[in-house]
């Protein structure tokens, strides 16, 4: 028996996403736990998810369960619901609105599993607090998507706000993910190769930064980059979630450089089709090897 119950325990809300492109809208289940856990299962990695949502929406969890994800769900008064508005000419920029929120996690809602990595991947600020981060850090390495601490509801809009406890919070983090806008907000640097070491000064050992063109990783004092090369952007929503979870999953067995390249390959494929990535490890590996030549 391995001393671990699961490779990665992901903590975050499953969201009901409304995707609006050029005024046409459709609904999908989303959230980093959904995009990330399914991609990880496709890579053969063992994943467990702790989430909160309204009991009426528990069927949204079936997609993850069908892929072999172990799901611990807490019933809440509402399910987090986000509207992502895009203009098809530029799928890079989106307007996010929040229509409902499933509320904060409390420590008893996190299953008592020994994981190799604890991935805190909230949709918005307010899901996870500093005390819970500190609690998880006692259990093992914590990965954090900073989105869940700086993307805050202001009425219906989601706006970037400073995270007052950032210095204390990041001191407990091993792997940190931010996108271009968040990295700039937190460091004042538009150049990701300059922003990453600045974020590392707070304590995280590895920084994963995403933008439309690819992923930049800062680990062991070195910068690693890999580009995305999707043939289409129909699956733009969930890009960063897929990239970060793939990086974390591959880091369990690979170097930062290799994990960066795997993350770019899977994210490239994911962006071509809406919903979670459901390709195969062999497909991602073929793309990765293709890029080497």
Protein backbone atom coordinates (compact mmCIF):
# COMPACT_ATOMS: atom_id res chain seq x y z
CA UNK A 1 0.00 0.00 0.00
CA UNK A 2 1.18 3.50 -0.72
CA UNK A 3 1.24 5.85 2.26
CA UNK A 4 -1.03 8.18 0.24
CA UNK A 5 -4.80 7.94 -0.19
CA UNK A 6 -4.75 10.04 -3.37
CA UNK A 7 -2.24 11.85 -5.58
CA UNK A 8 -4.00 15.21 -5.59
CA UNK A 9 -6.85 16.46 -3.42
CA UNK A 10 -8.53 19.43 -5.14
CA UNK A 11 -10.61 21.88 -3.13
CA UNK A 12 -12.97 24.34 -4.82
CA UNK A 13 -16.51 25.00 -5.94
CA UNK A 14 -18.01 23.28 -8.95
CA UNK A 15 -19.55 26.18 -10.85
CA UNK A 16 -22.53 26.34 -13.16
CA UNK A 17 -21.01 28.33 -16.01
CA UNK A 18 -23.02 30.33 -18.49
CA UNK A 19 -20.81 30.91 -21.53
CA UNK A 20 -21.89 33.80 -23.71
CA UNK A 21 -20.05 34.27 -27.02
CA UNK A 22 -21.28 37.11 -29.25
CA UNK A 23 -24.60 37.09 -27.39
CA UNK A 24 -25.22 33.32 -27.76
CA UNK A 25 -25.39 31.57 -24.43
CA UNK A 26 -25.03 27.98 -23.21
CA UNK A 27 -24.64 26.34 -19.81
CA UNK A 28 -21.87 24.00 -18.71
CA UNK A 29 -20.55 22.76 -15.40
CA UNK A 30 -17.20 24.32 -14.70
CA UNK A 31 -14.78 25.37 -12.01
CA UNK A 32 -11.15 24.33 -11.66
CA UNK A 33 -12.06 21.13 -9.81
CA UNK A 34 -14.09 19.98 -12.82
CA UNK A 35 -11.62 20.96 -15.58
CA UNK A 36 -8.59 19.96 -13.55
CA UNK A 37 -9.71 16.62 -12.12
CA UNK A 38 -10.92 15.21 -15.44
CA UNK A 39 -7.70 16.20 -17.23
CA UNK A 40 -5.68 14.56 -14.44
CA UNK A 41 -7.69 11.33 -14.65
CA UNK A 42 -7.02 11.23 -18.40
CA UNK A 43 -3.30 11.38 -17.57
CA UNK A 44 -3.73 8.43 -15.20
CA UNK A 45 -3.39 10.43 -11.98
CA UNK A 46 -5.47 9.66 -8.90
CA UNK A 47 -7.66 12.62 -7.90
CA UNK A 48 -10.11 13.44 -5.13
CA UNK A 49 -12.30 16.55 -5.01
CA UNK A 50 -13.90 18.42 -2.09
CA UNK A 51 -16.63 20.79 -3.24
CA UNK A 52 -19.83 22.62 -2.19
CA UNK A 53 -23.06 23.03 -4.16
CA UNK A 54 -26.85 22.98 -3.89
CA UNK A 55 -28.27 19.43 -3.55
CA UNK A 56 -30.36 19.94 -6.72
CA UNK A 57 -27.09 20.28 -8.64
CA UNK A 58 -25.40 17.13 -7.29
CA UNK A 59 -25.92 15.50 -10.75
CA UNK A 60 -23.25 17.98 -12.00
CA UNK A 61 -20.75 15.79 -10.11
CA UNK A 62 -21.52 12.72 -12.24
CA UNK A 63 -19.13 13.85 -14.99
CA UNK A 64 -16.20 13.73 -12.57
CA UNK A 65 -17.33 10.48 -10.95
CA UNK A 66 -17.63 8.84 -14.38
CA UNK A 67 -13.91 9.56 -14.90
CA UNK A 68 -12.99 7.91 -11.60
CA UNK A 69 -12.67 11.06 -9.49
CA UNK A 70 -13.57 10.54 -5.81
CA UNK A 71 -15.93 13.38 -4.89
CA UNK A 72 -16.75 14.70 -1.39
CA UNK A 73 -19.62 17.17 -1.75
CA UNK A 74 -21.15 19.37 0.95
CA UNK A 75 -24.72 20.60 0.45
CA UNK A 76 -24.95 24.40 0.40
CA UNK A 77 -27.80 26.89 0.01
CA UNK A 78 -26.74 27.76 -3.55
CA UNK A 79 -24.40 26.60 -6.31
CA UNK A 80 -21.76 29.07 -7.48
CA UNK A 81 -22.84 30.36 -10.86
CA UNK A 82 -20.66 32.41 -13.21
CA UNK A 83 -21.39 34.11 -16.49
CA UNK A 84 -18.37 34.40 -18.81
CA UNK A 85 -18.92 36.83 -21.68
CA UNK A 86 -16.60 36.67 -24.69
CA UNK A 87 -16.28 38.41 -28.00
CA UNK A 88 -15.24 35.72 -30.50
CA UNK A 89 -12.74 38.07 -32.14
CA UNK A 90 -10.73 38.03 -28.90
CA UNK A 91 -11.32 35.00 -26.68
CA UNK A 92 -8.49 36.24 -24.45
CA UNK A 93 -10.61 38.86 -22.70
CA UNK A 94 -13.74 37.97 -20.86
CA UNK A 95 -16.19 39.69 -18.59
CA UNK A 96 -17.08 37.55 -15.56
CA UNK A 97 -20.23 38.02 -13.53
CA UNK A 98 -21.30 36.11 -10.42
CA UNK A 99 -24.97 35.29 -9.94
CA UNK A 100 -24.75 32.97 -6.91
CA UNK A 101 -22.13 31.69 -4.46
CA UNK A 102 -21.94 28.33 -2.65
CA UNK A 103 -20.26 29.80 0.44
CA UNK A 104 -16.99 29.15 2.30
CA UNK A 105 -15.48 25.76 3.12
CA UNK A 106 -15.12 24.82 6.77
CA UNK A 107 -12.35 22.42 7.90
CA UNK A 108 -14.68 19.42 8.54
CA UNK A 109 -15.74 19.53 4.86
CA UNK A 110 -12.23 18.61 3.72
CA UNK A 111 -11.89 14.80 3.72
CA UNK A 112 -9.19 13.35 5.94
CA UNK A 113 -7.13 12.01 3.04
CA UNK A 114 -3.35 11.92 2.82
CA UNK A 115 -2.53 13.48 -0.55
CA UNK A 116 0.78 14.09 -2.29
CA UNK A 117 -0.45 17.59 -3.17
CA UNK A 118 -3.37 19.64 -1.82
CA UNK A 119 -4.63 21.88 -4.66
CA UNK A 120 -6.68 24.86 -3.51
CA UNK A 121 -8.46 26.04 -6.66
CA UNK A 122 -11.36 28.34 -5.74
CA UNK A 123 -13.47 30.07 -8.37
CA UNK A 124 -13.63 33.33 -6.42
CA UNK A 125 -12.51 34.95 -3.16
CA UNK A 126 -14.34 33.78 -0.06
CA UNK A 127 -14.28 30.01 -0.67
CA UNK A 128 -11.13 29.31 1.33
CA UNK A 129 -9.70 31.41 4.16
CA UNK A 130 -6.21 31.79 5.58
CA UNK A 131 -6.88 29.41 8.50
CA UNK A 132 -7.84 26.60 6.12
CA UNK A 133 -4.71 27.20 4.01
CA UNK A 134 -2.58 26.98 7.14
CA UNK A 135 -4.40 23.81 8.16
CA UNK A 136 -3.73 22.16 4.77
CA UNK A 137 -0.06 23.21 4.83
CA UNK A 138 0.32 21.14 8.03
CA UNK A 139 -0.81 18.11 6.00
CA UNK A 140 1.49 18.43 2.97
CA UNK A 141 2.49 20.59 -0.04
CA UNK A 142 -0.22 23.09 -1.01
CA UNK A 143 -0.84 24.36 -4.54
CA UNK A 144 -2.87 27.56 -4.90
CA UNK A 145 -4.60 29.36 -7.76
CA UNK A 146 -4.40 32.99 -6.65
CA UNK A 147 -7.62 33.70 -8.58
CA UNK A 148 -9.52 32.37 -5.57
CA UNK A 149 -8.13 35.15 -3.38
CA UNK A 150 -8.03 38.19 -5.67
CA UNK A 151 -11.16 37.74 -7.84
CA UNK A 152 -13.85 39.16 -5.57
CA UNK A 153 -17.58 39.78 -6.02
CA UNK A 154 -18.61 43.44 -6.21
CA UNK A 155 -22.36 43.27 -6.69
CA UNK A 156 -22.71 40.99 -9.73
CA UNK A 157 -19.32 41.89 -11.14
CA UNK A 158 -16.12 40.07 -10.33
CA UNK A 159 -13.26 42.48 -9.81
CA UNK A 160 -9.60 42.13 -8.89
CA UNK A 161 -8.86 43.18 -5.34
CA UNK A 162 -5.71 42.92 -3.28
CA UNK A 163 -5.51 39.95 -0.93
CA UNK A 164 -4.78 41.56 2.46
CA UNK A 165 -3.25 38.37 3.95
CA UNK A 166 -1.18 37.62 0.84
CA UNK A 167 2.27 37.64 2.45
CA UNK A 168 1.12 35.34 5.24
CA UNK A 169 -0.96 33.15 2.93
CA UNK A 170 1.73 32.62 0.30
CA UNK A 171 4.28 31.63 2.95
CA UNK A 172 2.38 28.32 3.22
CA UNK A 173 2.28 27.62 -0.54
CA UNK A 174 4.56 25.31 -2.55
CA UNK A 175 3.04 25.80 -6.05
CA UNK A 176 1.41 29.10 -7.05
CA UNK A 177 -0.62 29.78 -10.20
CA UNK A 178 -1.59 33.19 -11.58
CA UNK A 179 -2.60 34.49 -14.99
CA UNK A 180 -1.11 37.50 -16.72
CA UNK A 181 -3.58 40.03 -15.25
CA UNK A 182 -3.20 38.65 -11.72
CA UNK A 183 0.60 38.57 -11.92
CA UNK A 184 0.61 42.20 -13.02
CA UNK A 185 -1.84 43.21 -10.28
CA UNK A 186 0.27 41.54 -7.58
CA UNK A 187 3.75 42.56 -8.71
CA UNK A 188 3.29 45.60 -10.97
CA UNK A 189 5.31 43.70 -13.62
CA UNK A 190 3.92 43.16 -17.12
CA UNK A 191 6.83 40.85 -18.03
CA UNK A 192 6.04 37.39 -16.63
CA UNK A 193 9.74 36.47 -16.40
CA UNK A 194 10.11 39.40 -13.96
CA UNK A 195 6.79 38.84 -12.17
CA UNK A 196 7.49 35.18 -11.35
CA UNK A 197 10.61 35.68 -9.16
CA UNK A 198 8.81 38.53 -7.38
CA UNK A 199 5.96 36.18 -6.43
CA UNK A 200 8.47 33.54 -5.33
CA UNK A 201 9.85 36.02 -2.76
CA UNK A 202 6.66 35.43 -0.73
CA UNK A 203 7.57 31.78 -0.24
CA UNK A 204 6.15 29.58 -3.03
CA UNK A 205 8.83 27.34 -4.53
CA UNK A 206 7.32 27.08 -8.00
CA UNK A 207 5.34 29.75 -9.86
CA UNK A 208 3.10 28.84 -12.81
CA UNK A 209 1.98 31.83 -14.90
CA UNK A 210 -0.42 31.52 -17.83
CA UNK A 211 -1.28 33.80 -20.71
CA UNK A 212 -2.90 33.26 -24.11
CA UNK A 213 0.39 32.36 -25.79
CA UNK A 214 1.62 29.80 -23.25
CA UNK A 215 2.90 29.02 -19.78
CA UNK A 216 5.89 30.45 -17.90
CA UNK A 217 7.24 28.58 -14.88
CA UNK A 218 9.80 29.76 -12.32
CA UNK A 219 11.36 26.87 -10.36
CA UNK A 220 14.80 26.29 -8.80
CA UNK A 221 15.77 29.83 -9.79
CA UNK A 222 15.19 29.09 -13.49
CA UNK A 223 12.53 30.15 -15.99
CA UNK A 224 10.86 27.51 -18.18
CA UNK A 225 8.49 28.41 -21.00
CA UNK A 226 6.28 26.43 -23.34
CA UNK A 227 3.82 27.79 -25.85
CA UNK A 228 0.23 26.84 -26.66
CA UNK A 229 -0.50 26.09 -30.30
CA UNK A 230 -4.23 25.29 -30.51
CA UNK A 231 -5.85 25.07 -33.94
CA UNK A 232 -9.02 26.66 -32.48
CA UNK A 233 -10.14 28.43 -29.29
CA UNK A 234 -13.58 26.85 -28.85
CA UNK A 235 -12.47 25.48 -25.47
CA UNK A 236 -10.96 28.67 -24.06
CA UNK A 237 -12.85 28.45 -20.73
CA UNK A 238 -10.89 26.25 -18.31
CA UNK A 239 -7.53 26.90 -19.98
CA UNK A 240 -5.65 28.01 -16.85
CA UNK A 241 -7.30 25.32 -14.70
CA UNK A 242 -6.20 22.61 -17.13
CA UNK A 243 -2.68 24.02 -17.37
CA UNK A 244 -2.10 24.23 -13.61
CA UNK A 245 -3.59 20.83 -12.77
CA UNK A 246 -1.55 19.14 -15.53
CA UNK A 247 1.61 20.81 -14.23
CA UNK A 248 0.87 19.61 -10.67
CA UNK A 249 0.07 16.10 -11.85
CA UNK A 250 3.19 15.74 -13.97
CA UNK A 251 5.39 17.25 -11.23
CA UNK A 252 4.67 14.17 -9.12
CA UNK A 253 7.04 12.26 -11.43
CA UNK A 254 8.75 14.80 -13.77
CA UNK A 255 11.13 17.77 -13.56
CA UNK A 256 9.71 21.32 -13.65
CA UNK A 257 10.87 21.64 -17.28
CA UNK A 258 9.09 18.44 -18.38
CA UNK A 259 5.96 19.30 -16.36
CA UNK A 260 5.87 22.71 -18.08
CA UNK A 261 5.99 21.07 -21.50
CA UNK A 262 3.28 18.55 -20.59
CA UNK A 263 1.07 21.36 -19.26
CA UNK A 264 1.44 23.26 -22.56
CA UNK A 265 0.67 20.17 -24.65
CA UNK A 266 -2.50 19.24 -22.73
CA UNK A 267 -3.66 22.89 -22.62
CA UNK A 268 -3.11 23.23 -26.37
CA UNK A 269 -5.39 20.24 -26.99
CA UNK A 270 -7.94 21.37 -24.39
CA UNK A 271 -8.46 24.78 -26.02
CA UNK A 272 -9.67 23.16 -29.24
CA UNK A 273 -12.83 21.65 -27.71
CA UNK A 274 -15.29 22.99 -25.10
CA UNK A 275 -15.51 21.25 -21.74
CA UNK A 276 -12.85 19.34 -19.81
CA UNK A 277 -10.00 17.77 -21.75
CA UNK A 278 -10.84 14.15 -22.52
CA UNK A 279 -7.91 13.21 -24.72
CA UNK A 280 -5.35 10.53 -23.90
CA UNK A 281 -1.91 10.67 -22.36
CA UNK A 282 -0.55 9.22 -25.63
CA UNK A 283 -2.14 12.07 -27.62
CA UNK A 284 -0.53 14.69 -25.37
CA UNK A 285 2.81 12.87 -25.54
CA UNK A 286 2.68 12.81 -29.34
CA UNK A 287 2.14 16.59 -29.44
CA UNK A 288 4.96 17.07 -26.93
CA UNK A 289 7.40 14.98 -28.99
CA UNK A 290 6.30 16.74 -32.15
CA UNK A 291 7.30 20.07 -30.52
CA UNK A 292 10.74 18.68 -29.71
CA UNK A 293 11.62 18.23 -33.38
